[in-house]
Amino acid sequence: MQERLPTEMRARIFGTISAGTLAGIPLGTFVSGYVVTLLGLQMTLFVMGALYLVTTLSLLVNPAITKGMKKPLLLSSTQDSGI
């Protein structure tokens, strides 16, 4: 994202993203209280764990990330291999 944004707009964009993230924390806490009341503690923890797992595994199918993973790591002959 840093490569695509104009330099003069980066601080504004990242500030907006940070503000949105920080605003979501109390909102998530508020909503989770109702979810625990509705589903119970164990089911809420299971659902939240499943959401985190799906979010994390979704990075494996993200084309921007998997494209970079397919390129082999090549060491040039001038780099020390550490041996």
N, C-alpha and C. Protein backbone atom coordinates (compact mmCIF):
# COMPACT_ATOMS: atom_id res chain seq x y z
N MET A 1 0.82 -1.18 0.00
CA MET A 1 0.00 0.00 0.00
C MET A 1 0.87 1.25 0.00
N GLN A 2 2.01 1.18 0.66
CA GLN A 2 2.89 2.35 0.70
C GLN A 2 3.41 2.72 -0.68
N GLU A 3 3.59 1.73 -1.52
CA GLU A 3 4.11 2.00 -2.85
C GLU A 3 3.06 2.66 -3.75
N ARG A 4 1.79 2.44 -3.48
CA ARG A 4 0.73 2.97 -4.32
C ARG A 4 0.24 4.35 -3.89
N LEU A 5 0.48 4.71 -2.64
CA LEU A 5 -0.02 5.98 -2.13
C LEU A 5 0.95 7.11 -2.42
N PRO A 6 0.41 8.28 -2.73
CA PRO A 6 1.30 9.44 -2.87
C PRO A 6 1.91 9.77 -1.50
N THR A 7 3.13 10.21 -1.52
CA THR A 7 3.86 10.48 -0.27
C THR A 7 3.11 11.44 0.63
N GLU A 8 2.52 12.48 0.06
CA GLU A 8 1.84 13.49 0.88
C GLU A 8 0.52 12.99 1.49
N MET A 9 0.02 11.84 1.04
CA MET A 9 -1.24 11.30 1.56
C MET A 9 -1.05 10.16 2.55
N ARG A 10 0.16 9.64 2.68
CA ARG A 10 0.39 8.46 3.52
C ARG A 10 -0.01 8.67 4.97
N ALA A 11 0.37 9.78 5.56
CA ALA A 11 0.06 10.02 6.97
C ALA A 11 -1.45 10.08 7.19
N ARG A 12 -2.17 10.70 6.28
CA ARG A 12 -3.63 10.78 6.41
C ARG A 12 -4.27 9.40 6.30
N ILE A 13 -3.83 8.63 5.34
CA ILE A 13 -4.40 7.29 5.13
C ILE A 13 -4.11 6.40 6.33
N PHE A 14 -2.86 6.34 6.76
CA PHE A 14 -2.51 5.48 7.89
C PHE A 14 -3.14 5.98 9.18
N GLY A 15 -3.31 7.29 9.34
CA GLY A 15 -4.01 7.83 10.49
C GLY A 15 -5.47 7.41 10.52
N THR A 16 -6.11 7.43 9.36
CA THR A 16 -7.51 7.00 9.26
C THR A 16 -7.65 5.52 9.56
N ILE A 17 -6.74 4.71 9.04
CA ILE A 17 -6.77 3.27 9.31
C ILE A 17 -6.57 3.00 10.79
N SER A 18 -5.61 3.68 11.40
CA SER A 18 -5.35 3.50 12.84
C SER A 18 -6.55 3.93 13.67
N ALA A 19 -7.17 5.05 13.31
CA ALA A 19 -8.34 5.53 14.05
C ALA A 19 -9.50 4.53 13.94
N GLY A 20 -9.69 3.99 12.75
CA GLY A 20 -10.75 2.99 12.58
C GLY A 20 -10.50 1.73 13.39
N THR A 21 -9.24 1.31 13.43
CA THR A 21 -8.89 0.14 14.22
C THR A 21 -9.11 0.38 15.70
N LEU A 22 -8.66 1.53 16.18
CA LEU A 22 -8.83 1.85 17.60
C LEU A 22 -10.29 2.07 17.97
N ALA A 23 -11.10 2.57 17.05
CA ALA A 23 -12.53 2.74 17.32
C ALA A 23 -13.24 1.40 17.35
N GLY A 24 -12.71 0.41 16.64
CA GLY A 24 -13.33 -0.90 16.61
C GLY A 24 -13.14 -1.71 17.88
N ILE A 25 -12.13 -1.39 18.66
CA ILE A 25 -11.86 -2.15 19.88
C ILE A 25 -13.00 -2.02 20.89
N PRO A 26 -13.42 -0.80 21.27
CA PRO A 26 -14.55 -0.74 22.20
C PRO A 26 -15.86 -1.25 21.60
N LEU A 27 -16.02 -1.07 20.31
CA LEU A 27 -17.22 -1.58 19.65
C LEU A 27 -17.26 -3.10 19.73
N GLY A 28 -16.13 -3.75 19.47
CA GLY A 28 -16.06 -5.21 19.57
C GLY A 28 -16.30 -5.71 20.98
N THR A 29 -15.80 -4.98 21.96
CA THR A 29 -16.02 -5.35 23.36
C THR A 29 -17.51 -5.24 23.70
N PHE A 30 -18.14 -4.19 23.24
CA PHE A 30 -19.57 -3.98 23.49
C PHE A 30 -20.40 -5.09 22.85
N VAL A 31 -20.11 -5.40 21.60
CA VAL A 31 -20.88 -6.42 20.88
C VAL A 31 -20.62 -7.81 21.47
N SER A 32 -19.40 -8.08 21.89
CA SER A 32 -19.10 -9.41 22.42
C SER A 32 -19.87 -9.70 23.71
N GLY A 33 -20.18 -8.67 24.48
CA GLY A 33 -21.00 -8.88 25.68
C GLY A 33 -22.38 -9.41 25.31
N TYR A 34 -22.98 -8.87 24.27
CA TYR A 34 -24.27 -9.36 23.82
C TYR A 34 -24.17 -10.75 23.22
N VAL A 35 -23.08 -11.02 22.52
CA VAL A 35 -22.91 -12.34 21.91
C VAL A 35 -22.74 -13.40 22.99
N VAL A 36 -22.02 -13.08 24.06
CA VAL A 36 -21.86 -14.04 25.17
C VAL A 36 -23.20 -14.30 25.83
N THR A 37 -23.99 -13.27 26.00
CA THR A 37 -25.32 -13.45 26.58
C THR A 37 -26.20 -14.31 25.68
N LEU A 38 -26.07 -14.13 24.39
CA LEU A 38 -26.91 -14.85 23.44
C LEU A 38 -26.45 -16.30 23.24
N LEU A 39 -25.14 -16.51 23.04
CA LEU A 39 -24.61 -17.83 22.69
C LEU A 39 -23.96 -18.58 23.84
N GLY A 40 -23.55 -17.88 24.87
CA GLY A 40 -22.79 -18.50 25.94
C GLY A 40 -21.30 -18.28 25.71
N LEU A 41 -20.54 -18.41 26.78
CA LEU A 41 -19.10 -18.11 26.72
C LEU A 41 -18.34 -19.07 25.82
N GLN A 42 -18.57 -20.38 25.98
CA GLN A 42 -17.81 -21.36 25.20
C GLN A 42 -18.08 -21.22 23.70
N MET A 43 -19.33 -21.05 23.34
CA MET A 43 -19.66 -20.94 21.92
C MET A 43 -19.10 -19.64 21.35
N THR A 44 -19.13 -18.56 22.13
CA THR A 44 -18.56 -17.29 21.68
C THR A 44 -17.07 -17.42 21.44
N LEU A 45 -16.36 -18.07 22.36
CA LEU A 45 -14.92 -18.27 22.18
C LEU A 45 -14.64 -19.15 20.96
N PHE A 46 -15.47 -20.16 20.73
CA PHE A 46 -15.30 -21.01 19.56
C PHE A 46 -15.51 -20.20 18.27
N VAL A 47 -16.57 -19.40 18.22
CA VAL A 47 -16.86 -18.59 17.03
C VAL A 47 -15.74 -17.58 16.79
N MET A 48 -15.29 -16.90 17.84
CA MET A 48 -14.21 -15.92 17.68
C MET A 48 -12.91 -16.61 17.22
N GLY A 49 -12.61 -17.78 17.77
CA GLY A 49 -11.43 -18.53 17.34
C GLY A 49 -11.53 -18.94 15.88
N ALA A 50 -12.73 -19.36 15.47
CA ALA A 50 -12.93 -19.74 14.07
C ALA A 50 -12.76 -18.53 13.15
N LEU A 51 -13.26 -17.38 13.57
CA LEU A 51 -13.09 -16.16 12.76
C LEU A 51 -11.61 -15.79 12.62
N TYR A 52 -10.87 -15.88 13.71
CA TYR A 52 -9.43 -15.59 13.64
C TYR A 52 -8.73 -16.59 12.72
N LEU A 53 -9.10 -17.86 12.81
CA LEU A 53 -8.48 -18.88 11.97
C LEU A 53 -8.77 -18.63 10.49
N VAL A 54 -10.01 -18.32 10.16
CA VAL A 54 -10.38 -18.04 8.77
C VAL A 54 -9.64 -16.81 8.27
N THR A 55 -9.56 -15.78 9.11
CA THR A 55 -8.85 -14.56 8.72
C THR A 55 -7.38 -14.85 8.45
N THR A 56 -6.76 -15.61 9.31
CA THR A 56 -5.34 -15.94 9.14
C THR A 56 -5.11 -16.82 7.91
N LEU A 57 -5.96 -17.83 7.72
CA LEU A 57 -5.79 -18.72 6.57
C LEU A 57 -6.13 -18.04 5.25
N SER A 58 -6.91 -16.98 5.30
CA SER A 58 -7.24 -16.28 4.06
C SER A 58 -6.01 -15.65 3.42
N LEU A 59 -4.97 -15.42 4.21
CA LEU A 59 -3.73 -14.89 3.65
C LEU A 59 -3.06 -15.88 2.71
N LEU A 60 -3.36 -17.16 2.87
CA LEU A 60 -2.76 -18.18 2.00
C LEU A 60 -3.33 -18.14 0.58
N VAL A 61 -4.53 -17.57 0.42
CA VAL A 61 -5.14 -17.51 -0.90
C VAL A 61 -5.16 -16.10 -1.47
N ASN A 62 -4.55 -15.16 -0.77
CA ASN A 62 -4.47 -13.79 -1.25
C ASN A 62 -3.48 -13.73 -2.40
N PRO A 63 -3.92 -13.35 -3.60
CA PRO A 63 -3.04 -13.36 -4.76
C PRO A 63 -1.80 -12.47 -4.60
N ALA A 64 -1.92 -11.37 -3.91
CA ALA A 64 -0.77 -10.48 -3.74
C ALA A 64 0.32 -11.15 -2.92
N ILE A 65 -0.06 -12.00 -1.98
CA ILE A 65 0.93 -12.66 -1.14
C ILE A 65 1.42 -13.95 -1.78
N THR A 66 0.51 -14.74 -2.33
CA THR A 66 0.93 -16.02 -2.92
C THR A 66 1.80 -15.82 -4.16
N LYS A 67 1.62 -14.73 -4.86
CA LYS A 67 2.47 -14.44 -6.03
C LYS A 67 3.92 -14.27 -5.60
N GLY A 68 4.14 -13.62 -4.48
CA GLY A 68 5.49 -13.45 -3.97
C GLY A 68 6.07 -14.72 -3.39
N MET A 69 5.21 -15.64 -2.94
CA MET A 69 5.69 -16.89 -2.36
C MET A 69 6.19 -17.86 -3.42
N LYS A 70 5.74 -17.72 -4.65
CA LYS A 70 6.12 -18.66 -5.71
C LYS A 70 7.51 -18.38 -6.27
N LYS A 71 8.02 -17.20 -6.02
CA LYS A 71 9.35 -16.87 -6.53
C LYS A 71 10.41 -17.53 -5.64
N PRO A 72 11.35 -18.24 -6.23
CA PRO A 72 12.39 -18.88 -5.43
C PRO A 72 13.36 -17.83 -4.88
N LEU A 73 13.89 -18.12 -3.73
CA LEU A 73 14.87 -17.23 -3.11
C LEU A 73 16.24 -17.61 -3.65
N LEU A 74 16.86 -16.71 -4.37
CA LEU A 74 18.16 -16.97 -4.97
C LEU A 74 19.22 -16.10 -4.30
N LEU A 75 20.28 -16.72 -3.90
CA LEU A 75 21.40 -15.98 -3.33
C LEU A 75 22.38 -15.68 -4.45
N SER A 76 22.85 -14.47 -4.48
CA SER A 76 23.85 -14.16 -5.50
C SER A 76 25.19 -14.74 -5.06
N SER A 77 26.08 -14.87 -5.99
CA SER A 77 27.37 -15.49 -5.69
C SER A 77 28.23 -14.61 -4.79
N THR A 78 27.91 -13.33 -4.67
CA THR A 78 28.71 -12.44 -3.83
C THR A 78 28.23 -12.42 -2.39
N GLN A 79 27.04 -12.98 -2.12
CA GLN A 79 26.54 -12.99 -0.75
C GLN A 79 27.15 -14.17 0.00
N ASP A 80 27.42 -13.94 1.26
CA ASP A 80 27.95 -14.98 2.13
C ASP A 80 26.79 -15.89 2.53
N SER A 81 26.92 -17.18 2.35
CA SER A 81 25.85 -18.11 2.68
C SER A 81 25.85 -18.49 4.16
N GLY A 82 26.80 -18.01 4.93
CA GLY A 82 26.83 -18.26 6.36
C GLY A 82 27.47 -19.58 6.73
N ILE A 83 28.12 -20.23 5.79
CA ILE A 83 28.74 -21.54 6.06
C ILE A 83 30.21 -21.35 6.36
